Amino acid sequence: VGELMLARAEIKILQLKALENASIA
């Protein structure tokens, strides 16, 4: 799996704090 995975450094994230004030849209 480690040879095929998307490495941690490449993972896109959203911050929880920003999500608290956002909509599904």
PDB file of all heavy atoms in Angstrom:
ATOM      1  N   VAL A   1       0.836  -1.208   0.000  1.00  0.00           N
ATOM      2  CA  VAL A   1       0.000   0.000   0.000  1.00  0.00           C
ATOM      3  C   VAL A   1       0.867   1.254   0.000  1.00  0.00           C
ATOM      4  O   VAL A   1       0.577   2.241  -0.685  1.00  0.00           O
ATOM      5  CB  VAL A   1      -0.951  -0.003   1.217  1.00  0.00           C
ATOM      6  CG1 VAL A   1      -1.609   1.365   1.409  1.00  0.00           C
ATOM      7  CG2 VAL A   1      -2.015  -1.083   1.066  1.00  0.00           C
ATOM      8  N   GLY A   2       1.961   1.223   0.774  1.00  0.00           N
ATOM      9  CA  GLY A   2       2.838   2.380   0.882  1.00  0.00           C
ATOM     10  C   GLY A   2       3.451   2.820  -0.435  1.00  0.00           C
ATOM     11  O   GLY A   2       3.868   3.969  -0.583  1.00  0.00           O
ATOM     12  N   GLU A   3       3.509   1.907  -1.424  1.00  0.00           N
ATOM     13  CA  GLU A   3       4.072   2.239  -2.729  1.00  0.00           C
ATOM     14  C   GLU A   3       3.057   2.911  -3.647  1.00  0.00           C
ATOM     15  O   GLU A   3       3.434   3.509  -4.666  1.00  0.00           O
ATOM     16  CB  GLU A   3       4.609   0.969  -3.397  1.00  0.00           C
ATOM     17  CG  GLU A   3       5.713   0.268  -2.621  1.00  0.00           C
ATOM     18  CD  GLU A   3       6.121  -1.040  -3.265  1.00  0.00           C
ATOM     19  OE1 GLU A   3       6.827  -0.992  -4.299  1.00  0.00           O
ATOM     20  OE2 GLU A   3       5.728  -2.114  -2.758  1.00  0.00           O
ATOM     21  N   LEU A   4       1.789   2.813  -3.312  1.00  0.00           N
ATOM     22  CA  LEU A   4       0.723   3.336  -4.174  1.00  0.00           C
ATOM     23  C   LEU A   4      -0.037   4.507  -3.563  1.00  0.00           C
ATOM     24  O   LEU A   4      -0.730   5.230  -4.272  1.00  0.00           O
ATOM     25  CB  LEU A   4      -0.289   2.215  -4.483  1.00  0.00           C
ATOM     26  CG  LEU A   4       0.257   0.997  -5.233  1.00  0.00           C
ATOM     27  CD1 LEU A   4      -0.782  -0.119  -5.233  1.00  0.00           C
ATOM     28  CD2 LEU A   4       0.639   1.372  -6.661  1.00  0.00           C
ATOM     29  N   MET A   5       0.098   4.695  -2.289  1.00  0.00           N
ATOM     30  CA  MET A   5      -0.706   5.690  -1.564  1.00  0.00           C
ATOM     31  C   MET A   5      -0.341   7.114  -1.957  1.00  0.00           C
ATOM     32  O   MET A   5       0.735   7.381  -2.518  1.00  0.00           O
ATOM     33  CB  MET A   5      -0.507   5.525  -0.055  1.00  0.00           C
ATOM     34  CG  MET A   5       0.880   5.929   0.418  1.00  0.00           C
ATOM     35  SD  MET A   5       1.112   5.718   2.194  1.00  0.00           S
ATOM     36  CE  MET A   5       2.743   6.480   2.397  1.00  0.00           C
ATOM     37  N   LEU A   6      -1.251   8.025  -1.634  1.00  0.00           N
ATOM     38  CA  LEU A   6      -0.957   9.461  -1.704  1.00  0.00           C
ATOM     39  C   LEU A   6      -0.272   9.826  -0.397  1.00  0.00           C
ATOM     40  O   LEU A   6      -0.853   9.657   0.683  1.00  0.00           O
ATOM     41  CB  LEU A   6      -2.250  10.259  -1.879  1.00  0.00           C
ATOM     42  CG  LEU A   6      -2.107  11.783  -1.963  1.00  0.00           C
ATOM     43  CD1 LEU A   6      -1.411  12.180  -3.260  1.00  0.00           C
ATOM     44  CD2 LEU A   6      -3.470  12.454  -1.859  1.00  0.00           C
ATOM     45  N   ALA A   7       0.953  10.304  -0.477  1.00  0.00           N
ATOM     46  CA  ALA A   7       1.736  10.595   0.731  1.00  0.00           C
ATOM     47  C   ALA A   7       1.114  11.726   1.533  1.00  0.00           C
ATOM     48  O   ALA A   7       0.449  12.614   0.989  1.00  0.00           O
ATOM     49  CB  ALA A   7       3.166  10.946   0.360  1.00  0.00           C
ATOM     50  N   ARG A   8       1.341  11.699   2.820  1.00  0.00           N
ATOM     51  CA  ARG A   8       0.769  12.685   3.742  1.00  0.00           C
ATOM     52  C   ARG A   8       1.031  14.128   3.293  1.00  0.00           C
ATOM     53  O   ARG A   8       0.150  14.982   3.380  1.00  0.00           O
ATOM     54  CB  ARG A   8       1.327  12.449   5.147  1.00  0.00           C
ATOM     55  CG  ARG A   8       0.877  13.493   6.168  1.00  0.00           C
ATOM     56  CD  ARG A   8       1.269  13.101   7.559  1.00  0.00           C
ATOM     57  NE  ARG A   8       0.905  14.142   8.529  1.00  0.00           N
ATOM     58  CZ  ARG A   8       0.704  13.927   9.818  1.00  0.00           C
ATOM     59  NH1 ARG A   8       0.832  12.704  10.305  1.00  0.00           N
ATOM     60  NH2 ARG A   8       0.386  14.920  10.634  1.00  0.00           N
ATOM     61  N   ALA A   9       2.231  14.407   2.805  1.00  0.00           N
ATOM     62  CA  ALA A   9       2.594  15.771   2.408  1.00  0.00           C
ATOM     63  C   ALA A   9       1.751  16.274   1.240  1.00  0.00           C
ATOM     64  O   ALA A   9       1.670  17.484   1.010  1.00  0.00           O
ATOM     65  CB  ALA A   9       4.074  15.828   2.039  1.00  0.00           C
ATOM     66  N   GLU A  10       1.128  15.359   0.492  1.00  0.00           N
ATOM     67  CA  GLU A  10       0.335  15.741  -0.682  1.00  0.00           C
ATOM     68  C   GLU A  10      -1.165  15.801  -0.394  1.00  0.00           C
ATOM     69  O   GLU A  10      -1.952  16.197  -1.256  1.00  0.00           O
ATOM     70  CB  GLU A  10       0.583  14.753  -1.813  1.00  0.00           C
ATOM     71  CG  GLU A  10       2.030  14.669  -2.264  1.00  0.00           C
ATOM     72  CD  GLU A  10       2.228  13.606  -3.325  1.00  0.00           C
ATOM     73  OE1 GLU A  10       1.705  13.781  -4.436  1.00  0.00           O
ATOM     74  OE2 GLU A  10       2.867  12.585  -3.021  1.00  0.00           O
ATOM     75  N   ILE A  11      -1.570  15.407   0.803  1.00  0.00           N
ATOM     76  CA  ILE A  11      -2.994  15.370   1.141  1.00  0.00           C
ATOM     77  C   ILE A  11      -3.533  16.778   1.322  1.00  0.00           C
ATOM     78  O   ILE A  11      -2.945  17.602   2.019  1.00  0.00           O
ATOM     79  CB  ILE A  11      -3.229  14.557   2.438  1.00  0.00           C
ATOM     80  CG1 ILE A  11      -2.794  13.101   2.238  1.00  0.00           C
ATOM     81  CG2 ILE A  11      -4.698  14.614   2.857  1.00  0.00           C
ATOM     82  CD1 ILE A  11      -2.840  12.276   3.517  1.00  0.00           C
ATOM     83  N   LYS A  12      -4.676  17.048   0.688  1.00  0.00           N
ATOM     84  CA  LYS A  12      -5.340  18.346   0.848  1.00  0.00           C
ATOM     85  C   LYS A  12      -6.240  18.305   2.094  1.00  0.00           C
ATOM     86  O   LYS A  12      -6.906  17.302   2.346  1.00  0.00           O
ATOM     87  CB  LYS A  12      -6.190  18.672  -0.377  1.00  0.00           C
ATOM     88  CG  LYS A  12      -5.390  18.793  -1.671  1.00  0.00           C
ATOM     89  CD  LYS A  12      -4.441  19.984  -1.612  1.00  0.00           C
ATOM     90  CE  LYS A  12      -3.791  20.253  -2.967  1.00  0.00           C
ATOM     91  NZ  LYS A  12      -2.924  19.153  -3.425  1.00  0.00           N
ATOM     92  N   ILE A  13      -6.229  19.394   2.855  1.00  0.00           N
ATOM     93  CA  ILE A  13      -7.015  19.430   4.089  1.00  0.00           C
ATOM     94  C   ILE A  13      -7.886  20.682   4.161  1.00  0.00           C
ATOM     95  O   ILE A  13      -7.638  21.667   3.468  1.00  0.00           O
ATOM     96  CB  ILE A  13      -6.116  19.380   5.344  1.00  0.00           C
ATOM     97  CG1 ILE A  13      -5.356  20.718   5.496  1.00  0.00           C
ATOM     98  CG2 ILE A  13      -5.153  18.206   5.306  1.00  0.00           C
ATOM     99  CD1 ILE A  13      -4.795  20.951   6.875  1.00  0.00           C
ATOM    100  N   LEU A  14      -8.901  20.611   4.984  1.00  0.00           N
ATOM    101  CA  LEU A  14      -9.671  21.785   5.392  1.00  0.00           C
ATOM    102  C   LEU A  14      -9.536  21.918   6.900  1.00  0.00           C
ATOM    103  O   LEU A  14      -9.483  20.905   7.607  1.00  0.00           O
ATOM    104  CB  LEU A  14     -11.150  21.629   5.023  1.00  0.00           C
ATOM    105  CG  LEU A  14     -11.544  21.850   3.568  1.00  0.00           C
ATOM    106  CD1 LEU A  14     -13.012  21.494   3.370  1.00  0.00           C
ATOM    107  CD2 LEU A  14     -11.291  23.296   3.144  1.00  0.00           C
ATOM    108  N   GLN A  15      -9.474  23.145   7.380  1.00  0.00           N
ATOM    109  CA  GLN A  15      -9.387  23.349   8.820  1.00  0.00           C
ATOM    110  C   GLN A  15     -10.779  23.289   9.440  1.00  0.00           C
ATOM    111  O   GLN A  15     -11.746  23.824   8.886  1.00  0.00           O
ATOM    112  CB  GLN A  15      -8.733  24.691   9.135  1.00  0.00           C
ATOM    113  CG  GLN A  15      -7.263  24.745   8.750  1.00  0.00           C
ATOM    114  CD  GLN A  15      -6.599  26.047   9.163  1.00  0.00           C
ATOM    115  OE1 GLN A  15      -7.260  27.012   9.520  1.00  0.00           O
ATOM    116  NE2 GLN A  15      -5.278  26.071   9.118  1.00  0.00           N
ATOM    117  N   LEU A  16     -10.869  22.625  10.580  1.00  0.00           N
ATOM    118  CA  LEU A  16     -12.147  22.460  11.270  1.00  0.00           C
ATOM    119  C   LEU A  16     -12.775  23.812  11.593  1.00  0.00           C
ATOM    120  O   LEU A  16     -13.993  23.983  11.467  1.00  0.00           O
ATOM    121  CB  LEU A  16     -11.940  21.652  12.555  1.00  0.00           C
ATOM    122  CG  LEU A  16     -13.182  21.379  13.403  1.00  0.00           C
ATOM    123  CD1 LEU A  16     -14.216  20.576  12.614  1.00  0.00           C
ATOM    124  CD2 LEU A  16     -12.801  20.637  14.685  1.00  0.00           C
ATOM    125  N   LYS A  17     -11.964  24.771  11.994  1.00  0.00           N
ATOM    126  CA  LYS A  17     -12.485  26.094  12.363  1.00  0.00           C
ATOM    127  C   LYS A  17     -13.181  26.747  11.174  1.00  0.00           C
ATOM    128  O   LYS A  17     -14.250  27.359  11.320  1.00  0.00           O
ATOM    129  CB  LYS A  17     -11.337  26.980  12.849  1.00  0.00           C
ATOM    130  CG  LYS A  17     -11.786  28.230  13.608  1.00  0.00           C
ATOM    131  CD  LYS A  17     -12.382  27.856  14.956  1.00  0.00           C
ATOM    132  CE  LYS A  17     -12.747  29.098  15.750  1.00  0.00           C
ATOM    133  NZ  LYS A  17     -13.412  28.764  17.034  1.00  0.00           N
ATOM    134  N   ALA A  18     -12.590  26.633   9.988  1.00  0.00           N
ATOM    135  CA  ALA A  18     -13.190  27.216   8.787  1.00  0.00           C
ATOM    136  C   ALA A  18     -14.467  26.471   8.412  1.00  0.00           C
ATOM    137  O   ALA A  18     -15.439  27.071   7.949  1.00  0.00           O
ATOM    138  CB  ALA A  18     -12.195  27.169   7.635  1.00  0.00           C
ATOM    139  N   LEU A  19     -14.467  25.165   8.641  1.00  0.00           N
ATOM    140  CA  LEU A  19     -15.630  24.341   8.299  1.00  0.00           C
ATOM    141  C   LEU A  19     -16.839  24.701   9.149  1.00  0.00           C
ATOM    142  O   LEU A  19     -17.984  24.592   8.695  1.00  0.00           O
ATOM    143  CB  LEU A  19     -15.272  22.868   8.503  1.00  0.00           C
ATOM    144  CG  LEU A  19     -16.060  21.834   7.692  1.00  0.00           C
ATOM    145  CD1 LEU A  19     -15.835  22.040   6.208  1.00  0.00           C
ATOM    146  CD2 LEU A  19     -15.649  20.437   8.106  1.00  0.00           C
ATOM    147  N   GLU A  20     -16.590  25.139  10.378  1.00  0.00           N
ATOM    148  CA  GLU A  20     -17.682  25.481  11.295  1.00  0.00           C
ATOM    149  C   GLU A  20     -18.529  26.642  10.781  1.00  0.00           C
ATOM    150  O   GLU A  20     -19.692  26.781  11.147  1.00  0.00           O
ATOM    151  CB  GLU A  20     -17.118  25.817  12.678  1.00  0.00           C
ATOM    152  CG  GLU A  20     -16.532  24.606  13.401  1.00  0.00           C
ATOM    153  CD  GLU A  20     -15.809  24.985  14.688  1.00  0.00           C
ATOM    154  OE1 GLU A  20     -15.584  26.196  14.905  1.00  0.00           O
ATOM    155  OE2 GLU A  20     -15.456  24.085  15.456  1.00  0.00           O
ATOM    156  N   ASN A  21     -17.948  27.475   9.927  1.00  0.00           N
ATOM    157  CA  ASN A  21     -18.664  28.643   9.400  1.00  0.00           C
ATOM    158  C   ASN A  21     -19.004  28.493   7.917  1.00  0.00           C
ATOM    159  O   ASN A  21     -19.352  29.469   7.254  1.00  0.00           O
ATOM    160  CB  ASN A  21     -17.815  29.902   9.599  1.00  0.00           C
ATOM    161  CG  ASN A  21     -17.501  30.161  11.060  1.00  0.00           C
ATOM    162  OD1 ASN A  21     -18.392  30.159  11.894  1.00  0.00           O
ATOM    163  ND2 ASN A  21     -16.235  30.361  11.374  1.00  0.00           N
ATOM    164  N   ALA A  22     -18.897  27.267   7.389  1.00  0.00           N
ATOM    165  CA  ALA A  22     -19.133  27.033   5.959  1.00  0.00           C
ATOM    166  C   ALA A  22     -20.402  26.223   5.736  1.00  0.00           C
ATOM    167  O   ALA A  22     -20.934  25.586   6.646  1.00  0.00           O
ATOM    168  CB  ALA A  22     -17.936  26.303   5.349  1.00  0.00           C
ATOM    169  N   SER A  23     -20.878  26.258   4.498  1.00  0.00           N
ATOM    170  CA  SER A  23     -22.042  25.460   4.097  1.00  0.00           C
ATOM    171  C   SER A  23     -21.573  24.278   3.254  1.00  0.00           C
ATOM    172  O   SER A  23     -20.404  24.216   2.829  1.00  0.00           O
ATOM    173  CB  SER A  23     -23.015  26.311   3.281  1.00  0.00           C
ATOM    174  OG  SER A  23     -22.439  26.644   2.030  1.00  0.00           O
ATOM    175  N   ILE A  24     -22.484  23.347   2.994  1.00  0.00           N
ATOM    176  CA  ILE A  24     -22.161  22.224   2.118  1.00  0.00           C
ATOM    177  C   ILE A  24     -21.773  22.746   0.736  1.00  0.00           C
ATOM    178  O   ILE A  24     -20.851  22.237   0.098  1.00  0.00           O
ATOM    179  CB  ILE A  24     -23.348  21.258   2.023  1.00  0.00           C
ATOM    180  CG1 ILE A  24     -23.612  20.594   3.376  1.00  0.00           C
ATOM    181  CG2 ILE A  24     -23.092  20.192   0.955  1.00  0.00           C
ATOM    182  CD1 ILE A  24     -24.834  19.692   3.403  1.00  0.00           C
ATOM    183  N   ALA A  25     -22.462  23.787   0.271  1.00  0.00           N
ATOM    184  CA  ALA A  25     -22.154  24.378  -1.034  1.00  0.00           C
ATOM    185  C   ALA A  25     -20.704  24.864  -1.084  1.00  0.00           C
ATOM    186  O   ALA A  25     -20.013  24.700  -2.105  1.00  0.00           O
ATOM    187  CB  ALA A  25     -23.105  25.538  -1.322  1.00  0.00           C
TER     188      ALA A  25
END
